Amino acid sequence: MYLKAEPLTSAAFLPYGEVIECPAIPGRTYFEDALANLRPKARPSISLTVKKPLEALPLRSTTMERHEFSSQSFIPQEGGRWLAIVAPHAAGGGPDMARARAFLARPDQGVTYGANVWHHPFTVLDREARFVIVMWRDGTKGDEEFVEVPEFSVEVADGI
């Protein structure tokens, strides 16, 4: 299966979560959905990650993940463009890769994947990147689930 990355916009990403961007003018923007938690005993978790860039395009993968009971936010600190790949639920369970979408995020954009949203593991392009990750954890297998899917590839067009 082949996906073509499209620019990340709030409207296009809305079925999967929320785009996190600083306001264009001085002021504050709130992102309450970035803290969704469906387990009363889960605790907030903030982690920092440094990721090396993908060595070559197109991205080829057979993995998707979800956090069934928690949103998960990726907030850039430093880096280049990166990919947010999502898929709705399939009727029989797992991600529906036939309806998957790939979004190309700018260096100044973050996202919140909604609770129970299938997404690809974090993938950066261009150069090494540093991100803050915010989610809820309770130490059980419900914190995260990884599944194998049929191989798919993501192409990033020049100029976006």
N, C-alpha and C. Protein backbone atom coordinates (compact mmCIF):
# COMPACT_ATOMS: atom_id res chain seq x y z
N MET A 1 0.84 -1.17 0.00
CA MET A 1 0.00 0.00 0.00
C MET A 1 0.89 1.24 0.00
N TYR A 2 0.43 2.27 -0.67
CA TYR A 2 1.19 3.49 -0.85
C TYR A 2 0.40 4.68 -0.32
N LEU A 3 1.00 5.50 0.52
CA LEU A 3 0.41 6.73 1.02
C LEU A 3 1.24 7.92 0.55
N LYS A 4 0.58 8.99 0.18
CA LYS A 4 1.27 10.23 -0.16
C LYS A 4 1.02 11.21 0.97
N ALA A 5 2.09 11.73 1.57
CA ALA A 5 1.96 12.66 2.69
C ALA A 5 1.32 13.95 2.22
N GLU A 6 0.35 14.42 3.00
CA GLU A 6 -0.31 15.70 2.73
C GLU A 6 0.08 16.67 3.84
N PRO A 7 0.00 17.97 3.57
CA PRO A 7 0.35 18.93 4.63
C PRO A 7 -0.56 18.75 5.84
N LEU A 8 0.01 18.88 7.02
CA LEU A 8 -0.75 18.77 8.26
C LEU A 8 -1.54 20.06 8.48
N THR A 9 -2.88 19.92 8.55
CA THR A 9 -3.75 21.04 8.87
C THR A 9 -4.70 20.60 9.97
N SER A 10 -5.19 21.56 10.74
CA SER A 10 -6.12 21.24 11.82
C SER A 10 -7.37 20.57 11.31
N ALA A 11 -7.91 21.04 10.19
CA ALA A 11 -9.16 20.48 9.65
C ALA A 11 -8.96 19.04 9.19
N ALA A 12 -7.88 18.76 8.48
CA ALA A 12 -7.65 17.41 7.97
C ALA A 12 -7.34 16.42 9.08
N PHE A 13 -6.69 16.87 10.15
CA PHE A 13 -6.26 15.98 11.23
C PHE A 13 -7.35 15.78 12.30
N LEU A 14 -8.39 16.59 12.27
CA LEU A 14 -9.41 16.60 13.32
C LEU A 14 -10.00 15.22 13.66
N PRO A 15 -10.25 14.30 12.70
CA PRO A 15 -10.79 12.99 13.09
C PRO A 15 -9.84 12.17 13.97
N TYR A 16 -8.57 12.53 14.02
CA TYR A 16 -7.57 11.75 14.74
C TYR A 16 -7.05 12.45 15.98
N GLY A 17 -7.29 13.74 16.10
CA GLY A 17 -6.77 14.48 17.24
C GLY A 17 -6.69 15.95 16.94
N GLU A 18 -5.63 16.56 17.43
CA GLU A 18 -5.53 18.02 17.40
C GLU A 18 -4.11 18.42 16.98
N VAL A 19 -4.02 19.45 16.15
CA VAL A 19 -2.73 20.01 15.78
C VAL A 19 -2.35 21.05 16.83
N ILE A 20 -1.11 20.98 17.27
CA ILE A 20 -0.60 21.91 18.30
C ILE A 20 0.33 22.90 17.61
N GLU A 21 -0.07 24.19 17.66
CA GLU A 21 0.74 25.26 17.08
C GLU A 21 0.71 26.47 17.99
N CYS A 22 1.81 27.19 18.07
CA CYS A 22 1.82 28.44 18.82
C CYS A 22 0.93 29.45 18.11
N PRO A 23 0.33 30.36 18.86
CA PRO A 23 -0.51 31.38 18.20
C PRO A 23 0.35 32.27 17.30
N ALA A 24 -0.27 32.80 16.26
CA ALA A 24 0.45 33.66 15.31
C ALA A 24 0.76 35.03 15.89
N ILE A 25 0.00 35.43 16.90
CA ILE A 25 0.21 36.73 17.54
C ILE A 25 0.43 36.48 19.04
N PRO A 26 0.98 37.45 19.77
CA PRO A 26 1.18 37.24 21.21
C PRO A 26 -0.11 36.82 21.90
N GLY A 27 0.01 35.85 22.78
CA GLY A 27 -1.14 35.33 23.49
C GLY A 27 -0.94 33.86 23.80
N ARG A 28 -1.97 33.23 24.31
CA ARG A 28 -1.90 31.84 24.72
C ARG A 28 -3.01 31.04 24.04
N THR A 29 -2.69 29.81 23.65
CA THR A 29 -3.66 28.89 23.09
C THR A 29 -3.69 27.67 23.99
N TYR A 30 -4.89 27.22 24.37
CA TYR A 30 -5.05 26.04 25.23
C TYR A 30 -5.34 24.81 24.38
N PHE A 31 -4.83 23.66 24.83
CA PHE A 31 -5.02 22.38 24.15
C PHE A 31 -5.48 21.34 25.17
N GLU A 32 -6.69 21.45 25.63
CA GLU A 32 -7.20 20.55 26.65
C GLU A 32 -7.25 19.09 26.19
N ASP A 33 -7.51 18.85 24.90
CA ASP A 33 -7.56 17.47 24.40
C ASP A 33 -6.21 16.78 24.50
N ALA A 34 -5.16 17.54 24.69
CA ALA A 34 -3.82 16.96 24.82
C ALA A 34 -3.65 16.19 26.13
N LEU A 35 -4.66 16.22 26.98
CA LEU A 35 -4.57 15.56 28.28
C LEU A 35 -5.69 14.55 28.51
N ALA A 36 -6.21 13.92 27.47
CA ALA A 36 -7.31 12.96 27.61
C ALA A 36 -6.84 11.69 28.30
N ASN A 37 -7.60 11.28 29.33
CA ASN A 37 -7.26 10.09 30.10
C ASN A 37 -8.55 9.32 30.41
N LEU A 38 -8.58 8.03 30.07
CA LEU A 38 -9.76 7.21 30.29
C LEU A 38 -9.58 6.19 31.41
N ARG A 39 -8.52 6.34 32.22
CA ARG A 39 -8.27 5.42 33.34
C ARG A 39 -8.05 6.23 34.61
N PRO A 40 -8.84 5.97 35.66
CA PRO A 40 -8.73 6.79 36.87
C PRO A 40 -7.40 6.65 37.61
N LYS A 41 -6.69 5.53 37.45
CA LYS A 41 -5.44 5.36 38.20
C LYS A 41 -4.19 5.70 37.38
N ALA A 42 -4.38 6.11 36.14
CA ALA A 42 -3.22 6.49 35.32
C ALA A 42 -2.68 7.83 35.79
N ARG A 43 -1.38 7.99 35.61
CA ARG A 43 -0.71 9.22 36.02
C ARG A 43 -0.20 9.94 34.79
N PRO A 44 -0.13 11.26 34.83
CA PRO A 44 0.43 11.98 33.69
C PRO A 44 1.90 11.63 33.51
N SER A 45 2.32 11.56 32.26
CA SER A 45 3.70 11.22 31.93
C SER A 45 4.23 12.22 30.92
N ILE A 46 5.36 12.81 31.24
CA ILE A 46 6.05 13.70 30.31
C ILE A 46 7.41 13.06 30.05
N SER A 47 7.71 12.87 28.78
CA SER A 47 9.02 12.32 28.43
C SER A 47 9.62 13.18 27.33
N LEU A 48 10.92 13.08 27.18
CA LEU A 48 11.66 13.78 26.14
C LEU A 48 12.27 12.73 25.23
N THR A 49 12.26 13.01 23.93
CA THR A 49 12.86 12.06 23.00
C THR A 49 13.74 12.80 22.00
N VAL A 50 14.80 12.14 21.61
CA VAL A 50 15.66 12.60 20.52
C VAL A 50 15.60 11.50 19.47
N LYS A 51 15.23 11.87 18.25
CA LYS A 51 15.10 10.89 17.17
C LYS A 51 16.01 11.27 16.02
N LYS A 52 16.67 10.27 15.49
CA LYS A 52 17.46 10.47 14.28
C LYS A 52 16.52 10.50 13.09
N PRO A 53 16.89 11.20 12.03
CA PRO A 53 16.00 11.27 10.86
C PRO A 53 15.98 9.94 10.11
N LEU A 54 14.89 9.73 9.39
CA LEU A 54 14.76 8.60 8.50
C LEU A 54 15.90 8.65 7.49
N GLU A 55 16.52 7.52 7.21
CA GLU A 55 17.69 7.52 6.33
C GLU A 55 17.34 7.77 4.88
N ALA A 56 16.17 7.29 4.42
CA ALA A 56 15.79 7.47 3.03
C ALA A 56 14.28 7.37 2.89
N LEU A 57 13.77 8.09 1.91
CA LEU A 57 12.36 7.98 1.56
C LEU A 57 12.23 7.06 0.35
N PRO A 58 11.13 6.39 0.15
CA PRO A 58 9.94 6.47 0.99
C PRO A 58 10.12 5.69 2.29
N LEU A 59 9.33 6.08 3.30
CA LEU A 59 9.25 5.30 4.53
C LEU A 59 8.56 3.99 4.19
N ARG A 60 9.09 2.88 4.66
CA ARG A 60 8.44 1.57 4.52
C ARG A 60 8.28 1.01 5.92
N SER A 61 7.07 0.51 6.23
CA SER A 61 6.81 0.03 7.58
C SER A 61 5.73 -1.04 7.59
N THR A 62 5.71 -1.79 8.68
CA THR A 62 4.67 -2.79 8.93
C THR A 62 4.13 -2.66 10.35
N THR A 63 4.29 -1.50 10.96
CA THR A 63 3.93 -1.32 12.37
C THR A 63 2.99 -0.13 12.56
N MET A 64 1.99 -0.33 13.40
CA MET A 64 1.13 0.75 13.88
C MET A 64 0.99 0.57 15.38
N GLU A 65 0.60 1.62 16.06
CA GLU A 65 0.42 1.56 17.52
C GLU A 65 -0.79 2.37 17.94
N ARG A 66 -1.22 2.15 19.17
CA ARG A 66 -2.27 2.98 19.76
C ARG A 66 -2.07 3.01 21.27
N HIS A 67 -2.71 3.98 21.89
CA HIS A 67 -2.76 4.12 23.34
C HIS A 67 -4.26 4.18 23.65
N GLU A 68 -4.82 3.02 23.93
CA GLU A 68 -6.27 2.87 24.00
C GLU A 68 -6.95 3.82 24.98
N PHE A 69 -6.27 4.13 26.08
CA PHE A 69 -6.91 4.89 27.14
C PHE A 69 -6.32 6.28 27.34
N SER A 70 -5.40 6.70 26.51
CA SER A 70 -4.72 7.97 26.69
C SER A 70 -4.48 8.67 25.37
N SER A 71 -4.63 9.99 25.40
CA SER A 71 -4.12 10.77 24.28
C SER A 71 -2.59 10.72 24.36
N GLN A 72 -1.95 11.09 23.26
CA GLN A 72 -0.49 11.19 23.25
C GLN A 72 -0.12 12.41 22.41
N SER A 73 0.60 13.34 23.03
CA SER A 73 0.97 14.57 22.34
C SER A 73 2.46 14.58 22.05
N PHE A 74 2.81 15.08 20.87
CA PHE A 74 4.20 15.28 20.45
C PHE A 74 4.37 16.78 20.24
N ILE A 75 5.25 17.40 21.03
CA ILE A 75 5.46 18.84 21.00
C ILE A 75 6.92 19.10 20.63
N PRO A 76 7.15 19.72 19.47
CA PRO A 76 8.54 19.91 19.03
C PRO A 76 9.30 20.91 19.87
N GLN A 77 10.56 20.59 20.09
CA GLN A 77 11.49 21.54 20.71
C GLN A 77 12.50 22.01 19.67
N GLU A 78 12.92 21.07 18.83
CA GLU A 78 13.92 21.39 17.81
C GLU A 78 13.87 20.28 16.77
N GLY A 79 13.99 20.64 15.51
CA GLY A 79 14.02 19.61 14.47
C GLY A 79 13.54 20.14 13.14
N GLY A 80 13.27 19.21 12.26
CA GLY A 80 12.78 19.54 10.93
C GLY A 80 11.37 19.00 10.75
N ARG A 81 11.05 18.67 9.52
CA ARG A 81 9.73 18.11 9.22
C ARG A 81 9.62 16.70 9.79
N TRP A 82 8.39 16.26 10.00
CA TRP A 82 8.17 14.92 10.53
C TRP A 82 6.82 14.40 10.05
N LEU A 83 6.61 13.09 10.17
CA LEU A 83 5.40 12.45 9.68
C LEU A 83 4.46 12.06 10.81
N ALA A 84 3.17 12.31 10.61
CA ALA A 84 2.10 11.84 11.49
C ALA A 84 1.22 10.93 10.62
N ILE A 85 1.29 9.63 10.85
CA ILE A 85 0.57 8.64 10.04
C ILE A 85 -0.51 8.04 10.92
N VAL A 86 -1.75 8.06 10.47
CA VAL A 86 -2.89 7.62 11.27
C VAL A 86 -3.79 6.69 10.46
N ALA A 87 -4.59 5.91 11.17
CA ALA A 87 -5.57 5.03 10.51
C ALA A 87 -6.78 4.87 11.42
N PRO A 88 -7.98 4.83 10.84
CA PRO A 88 -9.17 4.55 11.65
C PRO A 88 -9.20 3.07 12.03
N HIS A 89 -10.14 2.71 12.87
CA HIS A 89 -10.30 1.31 13.27
C HIS A 89 -10.94 0.50 12.14
N ALA A 90 -10.46 -0.71 11.94
CA ALA A 90 -11.06 -1.64 10.99
C ALA A 90 -12.27 -2.31 11.65
N ALA A 91 -13.23 -2.75 10.85
CA ALA A 91 -14.43 -3.40 11.39
C ALA A 91 -14.07 -4.62 12.23
N GLY A 92 -13.05 -5.37 11.83
CA GLY A 92 -12.66 -6.58 12.55
C GLY A 92 -11.62 -6.34 13.63
N GLY A 93 -11.29 -5.08 13.91
CA GLY A 93 -10.27 -4.75 14.91
C GLY A 93 -8.97 -4.33 14.25
N GLY A 94 -8.16 -3.65 14.99
CA GLY A 94 -6.89 -3.16 14.47
C GLY A 94 -7.07 -1.97 13.55
N PRO A 95 -5.98 -1.48 12.97
CA PRO A 95 -6.05 -0.31 12.09
C PRO A 95 -6.55 -0.70 10.70
N ASP A 96 -7.33 0.19 10.11
CA ASP A 96 -7.81 0.02 8.73
C ASP A 96 -6.82 0.73 7.81
N MET A 97 -5.83 0.02 7.36
CA MET A 97 -4.76 0.63 6.57
C MET A 97 -5.23 1.07 5.19
N ALA A 98 -6.34 0.55 4.71
CA ALA A 98 -6.89 1.00 3.43
C ALA A 98 -7.37 2.45 3.52
N ARG A 99 -7.64 2.91 4.73
CA ARG A 99 -8.09 4.29 4.93
C ARG A 99 -7.07 5.11 5.71
N ALA A 100 -5.83 4.65 5.77
CA ALA A 100 -4.77 5.37 6.48
C ALA A 100 -4.45 6.67 5.76
N ARG A 101 -3.94 7.63 6.52
CA ARG A 101 -3.51 8.92 5.97
C ARG A 101 -2.16 9.27 6.56
N ALA A 102 -1.37 9.97 5.77
CA ALA A 102 -0.06 10.45 6.21
C ALA A 102 -0.05 11.96 6.11
N PHE A 103 0.44 12.60 7.18
CA PHE A 103 0.51 14.06 7.23
C PHE A 103 1.96 14.47 7.41
N LEU A 104 2.36 15.49 6.67
CA LEU A 104 3.70 16.05 6.81
C LEU A 104 3.61 17.28 7.69
N ALA A 105 4.24 17.20 8.86
CA ALA A 105 4.22 18.30 9.82
C ALA A 105 5.44 19.19 9.63
N ARG A 106 5.21 20.48 9.80
CA ARG A 106 6.32 21.43 9.79
C ARG A 106 7.08 21.32 11.11
N PRO A 107 8.28 21.88 11.17
CA PRO A 107 9.06 21.83 12.42
C PRO A 107 8.38 22.51 13.61
N ASP A 108 7.47 23.45 13.36
CA ASP A 108 6.81 24.18 14.45
C ASP A 108 5.44 23.60 14.80
N GLN A 109 5.08 22.44 14.23
CA GLN A 109 3.78 21.83 14.52
C GLN A 109 3.94 20.59 15.37
N GLY A 110 3.05 20.44 16.34
CA GLY A 110 2.94 19.22 17.11
C GLY A 110 1.55 18.65 16.89
N VAL A 111 1.31 17.48 17.45
CA VAL A 111 -0.02 16.88 17.38
C VAL A 111 -0.37 16.21 18.69
N THR A 112 -1.66 16.06 18.90
CA THR A 112 -2.18 15.18 19.93
C THR A 112 -2.97 14.10 19.22
N TYR A 113 -2.52 12.85 19.35
CA TYR A 113 -3.32 11.73 18.87
C TYR A 113 -4.37 11.49 19.94
N GLY A 114 -5.64 11.40 19.54
CA GLY A 114 -6.69 11.13 20.50
C GLY A 114 -6.52 9.75 21.11
N ALA A 115 -7.13 9.54 22.28
CA ALA A 115 -7.10 8.20 22.89
C ALA A 115 -7.66 7.20 21.90
N ASN A 116 -7.01 6.03 21.79
CA ASN A 116 -7.45 4.92 20.96
C ASN A 116 -7.31 5.18 19.47
N VAL A 117 -6.45 6.11 19.07
CA VAL A 117 -6.20 6.40 17.66
C VAL A 117 -4.96 5.62 17.20
N TRP A 118 -5.12 4.85 16.14
CA TRP A 118 -3.98 4.12 15.57
C TRP A 118 -3.05 5.11 14.88
N HIS A 119 -1.76 4.98 15.14
CA HIS A 119 -0.76 5.84 14.50
C HIS A 119 0.55 5.09 14.36
N HIS A 120 1.37 5.59 13.47
CA HIS A 120 2.69 5.00 13.25
C HIS A 120 3.65 5.55 14.28
N PRO A 121 4.65 4.75 14.68
CA PRO A 121 5.68 5.28 15.59
C PRO A 121 6.30 6.57 15.02
N PHE A 122 6.71 7.41 15.91
CA PHE A 122 7.24 8.73 15.61
C PHE A 122 8.36 8.66 14.57
N THR A 123 8.22 9.43 13.48
CA THR A 123 9.20 9.40 12.39
C THR A 123 9.57 10.82 11.98
N VAL A 124 10.84 11.16 12.07
CA VAL A 124 11.30 12.50 11.69
C VAL A 124 12.08 12.44 10.38
N LEU A 125 12.05 13.56 9.68
CA LEU A 125 12.76 13.71 8.41
C LEU A 125 13.79 14.82 8.57
N ASP A 126 14.56 15.06 7.55
CA ASP A 126 15.47 16.20 7.45
C ASP A 126 16.67 16.17 8.40
N ARG A 127 16.42 16.11 9.71
CA ARG A 127 17.53 16.18 10.67
C ARG A 127 17.07 15.66 12.03
N GLU A 128 18.03 15.44 12.92
CA GLU A 128 17.71 14.99 14.27
C GLU A 128 16.69 15.94 14.90
N ALA A 129 15.77 15.38 15.70
CA ALA A 129 14.71 16.19 16.30
C ALA A 129 14.57 15.88 17.78
N ARG A 130 14.11 16.88 18.53
CA ARG A 130 13.83 16.74 19.95
C ARG A 130 12.37 17.12 20.19
N PHE A 131 11.66 16.24 20.91
CA PHE A 131 10.24 16.45 21.18
C PHE A 131 9.93 16.15 22.63
N VAL A 132 8.92 16.83 23.14
CA VAL A 132 8.30 16.51 24.43
C VAL A 132 7.10 15.62 24.11
N ILE A 133 6.93 14.53 24.87
CA ILE A 133 5.80 13.63 24.70
C ILE A 133 4.99 13.65 25.99
N VAL A 134 3.67 13.87 25.86
CA VAL A 134 2.78 13.93 27.01
C VAL A 134 1.70 12.87 26.83
N MET A 135 1.53 12.02 27.84
CA MET A 135 0.47 11.00 27.82
C MET A 135 0.17 10.57 29.25
N TRP A 136 -0.71 9.59 29.41
CA TRP A 136 -1.06 9.03 30.72
C TRP A 136 -0.63 7.58 30.74
N ARG A 137 -0.11 7.12 31.87
CA ARG A 137 0.36 5.73 31.99
C ARG A 137 -0.06 5.17 33.35
N ASP A 138 -0.34 3.87 33.36
CA ASP A 138 -0.59 3.19 34.64
C ASP A 138 0.27 1.94 34.79
N GLY A 139 1.20 1.73 33.85
CA GLY A 139 2.13 0.60 33.95
C GLY A 139 1.57 -0.72 33.45
N THR A 140 0.38 -0.73 32.85
CA THR A 140 -0.19 -1.98 32.33
C THR A 140 -0.03 -2.04 30.81
N LYS A 141 -0.41 -3.18 30.24
CA LYS A 141 -0.30 -3.33 28.78
C LYS A 141 -1.23 -2.36 28.05
N GLY A 142 -2.21 -1.79 28.75
CA GLY A 142 -3.09 -0.80 28.15
C GLY A 142 -2.41 0.52 27.85
N ASP A 143 -1.18 0.71 28.34
CA ASP A 143 -0.45 1.94 28.06
C ASP A 143 -0.18 2.09 26.57
N GLU A 144 0.20 1.00 25.91
CA GLU A 144 0.46 1.05 24.47
C GLU A 144 0.33 -0.34 23.86
N GLU A 145 -0.07 -0.35 22.60
CA GLU A 145 -0.22 -1.60 21.85
C GLU A 145 0.39 -1.41 20.47
N PHE A 146 1.26 -2.31 20.08
CA PHE A 146 1.86 -2.30 18.75
C PHE A 146 1.33 -3.50 17.98
N VAL A 147 1.00 -3.28 16.69
CA VAL A 147 0.52 -4.37 15.85
C VAL A 147 1.26 -4.36 14.52
N GLU A 148 1.38 -5.54 13.94
CA GLU A 148 1.93 -5.68 12.60
C GLU A 148 0.79 -5.50 11.60
N VAL A 149 1.06 -4.78 10.52
CA VAL A 149 0.11 -4.56 9.44
C VAL A 149 0.81 -4.91 8.13
N PRO A 150 0.06 -5.10 7.05
CA PRO A 150 0.72 -5.31 5.76
C PRO A 150 1.64 -4.13 5.44
N GLU A 151 2.74 -4.40 4.77
CA GLU A 151 3.71 -3.33 4.49
C GLU A 151 3.05 -2.18 3.75
N PHE A 152 3.38 -0.97 4.18
CA PHE A 152 2.94 0.23 3.49
C PHE A 152 4.13 1.16 3.34
N SER A 153 4.02 2.08 2.41
CA SER A 153 5.08 3.07 2.22
C SER A 153 4.47 4.46 2.18
N VAL A 154 5.28 5.43 2.56
CA VAL A 154 4.85 6.83 2.56
C VAL A 154 5.86 7.64 1.76
N GLU A 155 5.36 8.35 0.78
CA GLU A 155 6.18 9.21 -0.06
C GLU A 155 5.91 10.66 0.33
N VAL A 156 6.95 11.47 0.33
CA VAL A 156 6.83 12.89 0.61
C VAL A 156 7.18 13.63 -0.67
N ALA A 157 6.21 14.36 -1.22
CA ALA A 157 6.41 15.08 -2.45
C ALA A 157 7.35 16.27 -2.23
N ASP A 158 8.11 16.61 -3.23
CA ASP A 158 8.95 17.80 -3.14
C ASP A 158 8.08 19.04 -3.03
N GLY A 159 8.51 20.00 -2.27
CA GLY A 159 7.82 21.26 -2.17
C GLY A 159 6.77 21.36 -1.08
N ILE A 160 6.55 20.28 -0.32
CA ILE A 160 5.62 20.43 0.80
C ILE A 160 6.34 20.12 2.09
